[in-house]
Amino acid sequence: MDDNRLATYIPSYGDRIATRRFCSEYQRKGERDAQRQRLLQNLRRKMGIDKVPEEPDQEQSEATHTHPKAYLKNKLAVRKTRRVELGRIHEGKQQRKKNGGGTRRVDSQK
């Protein structure tokens, strides 16, 4: 829409400039969102976690479908203990370890 035609709806020149800038940014944002969605869909397809099943007319190599649909947790990497820091203030001073350092750390079972 040209400036003369837009002036009939928005009389102030500054408001017209702001409106054009807003519209152009909104349009660019839509293009970026579409590109982002395409990239995410491509990544999901390669990882094998499609939300929407692929159509049979697309010819893809079988190598991309070797990944399981849901990854299991690595049970060997999960820690069995939790480290808790205990701090104590006695008469307005923080109690520390004998050799300095910070608060005391205690390992406890999860």
Protein backbone atom coordinates (compact mmCIF):
# COMPACT_ATOMS: atom_id res chain seq x y z
CA MET A 1 0.00 0.00 0.00
CA ASP A 2 1.50 3.37 -0.96
CA ASP A 3 1.85 6.33 1.40
CA ASN A 4 -1.03 8.38 -0.07
CA ARG A 5 -3.50 5.56 0.34
CA LEU A 6 -2.26 4.77 3.85
CA ALA A 7 -2.60 8.47 4.78
CA THR A 8 -6.39 8.22 4.43
CA TYR A 9 -6.45 5.66 7.25
CA ILE A 10 -3.53 6.91 9.39
CA PRO A 11 -3.14 10.71 9.22
CA SER A 12 0.10 11.02 11.25
CA TYR A 13 3.32 10.46 9.27
CA GLY A 14 5.17 8.94 12.26
CA ASP A 15 2.36 6.46 12.84
CA ARG A 16 2.51 5.42 9.18
CA ILE A 17 6.25 4.77 9.46
CA ALA A 18 5.74 2.77 12.66
CA THR A 19 2.96 0.77 11.01
CA ARG A 20 5.13 -0.09 8.00
CA ARG A 21 8.02 -1.12 10.24
CA PHE A 22 5.72 -3.30 12.35
CA CYS A 23 4.26 -4.99 9.26
CA SER A 24 7.68 -5.68 7.74
CA GLU A 25 9.01 -7.14 11.02
CA TYR A 26 5.88 -9.26 11.41
CA GLN A 27 6.31 -10.60 7.88
CA ARG A 28 10.00 -11.41 8.49
CA LYS A 29 9.09 -13.12 11.76
CA GLY A 30 6.65 -15.36 9.91
CA GLU A 31 9.35 -16.33 7.42
CA ARG A 32 11.80 -17.11 10.24
CA ASP A 33 9.19 -19.21 12.04
CA ALA A 34 8.49 -21.19 8.88
CA GLN A 35 12.20 -21.80 8.35
CA ARG A 36 12.62 -22.81 12.01
CA GLN A 37 9.72 -25.27 11.73
CA ARG A 38 11.22 -26.82 8.58
CA LEU A 39 14.59 -27.27 10.32
CA LEU A 40 12.99 -28.81 13.41
CA GLN A 41 10.89 -31.15 11.30
CA ASN A 42 14.00 -32.20 9.36
CA LEU A 43 15.86 -32.87 12.61
CA ARG A 44 12.95 -34.87 14.06
CA ARG A 45 12.77 -36.95 10.90
CA LYS A 46 16.51 -37.70 11.03
CA MET A 47 16.32 -38.62 14.71
CA GLY A 48 13.30 -40.82 14.12
CA ILE A 49 10.89 -39.04 16.45
CA ASP A 50 8.33 -37.76 13.97
CA LYS A 51 5.10 -36.45 15.40
CA VAL A 52 3.38 -36.86 12.05
CA PRO A 53 4.11 -40.07 10.10
CA GLU A 54 5.84 -39.63 6.76
CA GLU A 55 3.93 -40.09 3.56
CA PRO A 56 4.88 -43.17 1.51
CA ASP A 57 5.59 -41.22 -1.70
CA GLN A 58 8.69 -39.64 -0.16
CA GLU A 59 11.73 -41.71 -0.96
CA GLN A 60 14.20 -41.64 1.89
CA SER A 61 17.04 -43.99 2.62
CA GLU A 62 16.45 -46.60 5.29
CA ALA A 63 19.56 -45.41 7.17
CA THR A 64 17.65 -42.45 8.60
CA HIS A 65 15.09 -44.76 10.22
CA THR A 66 17.54 -46.84 12.28
CA HIS A 67 17.13 -44.73 15.43
CA PRO A 68 14.53 -45.86 17.95
CA LYS A 69 11.46 -43.71 18.38
CA ALA A 70 12.15 -42.96 22.04
CA TYR A 71 15.60 -42.88 23.57
CA LEU A 72 16.07 -44.65 26.89
CA LYS A 73 17.94 -43.03 29.76
CA ASN A 74 21.54 -44.05 30.22
CA LYS A 75 21.19 -45.82 33.56
CA LEU A 76 24.96 -46.07 34.00
CA ALA A 77 25.31 -42.29 33.81
CA VAL A 78 22.67 -41.56 36.45
CA ARG A 79 24.17 -40.80 39.85
CA LYS A 80 22.87 -42.74 42.82
CA THR A 81 23.78 -40.09 45.37
CA ARG A 82 22.92 -36.46 45.82
CA ARG A 83 25.41 -33.92 47.19
CA VAL A 84 23.88 -31.58 49.76
CA GLU A 85 25.66 -28.52 51.12
CA LEU A 86 25.09 -27.76 54.77
CA GLY A 87 25.82 -24.30 56.04
CA ARG A 88 25.71 -23.31 59.67
CA ILE A 89 25.87 -19.89 61.23
CA HIS A 90 26.88 -19.75 64.89
CA GLU A 91 26.87 -16.41 66.71
CA GLY A 92 26.77 -14.52 63.42
CA LYS A 93 29.74 -16.35 61.87
CA GLN A 94 29.69 -19.11 59.27
CA GLN A 95 31.07 -22.44 60.51
CA ARG A 96 33.55 -23.90 58.05
CA LYS A 97 35.69 -27.00 57.69
CA LYS A 98 38.84 -27.35 59.80
CA ASN A 99 41.11 -26.57 56.87
CA GLY A 100 39.07 -23.66 55.62
CA GLY A 101 36.88 -24.09 52.58
CA GLY A 102 33.22 -23.38 52.24
CA THR A 103 30.14 -25.04 53.60
CA ARG A 104 30.10 -28.73 54.42
CA ARG A 105 29.07 -31.13 51.66
CA VAL A 106 27.26 -34.36 52.49
CA ASP A 107 26.53 -37.19 50.05
CA SER A 108 23.11 -38.75 50.56
CA GLN A 109 21.14 -41.43 48.75
CA LYS A 110 18.50 -40.27 46.30
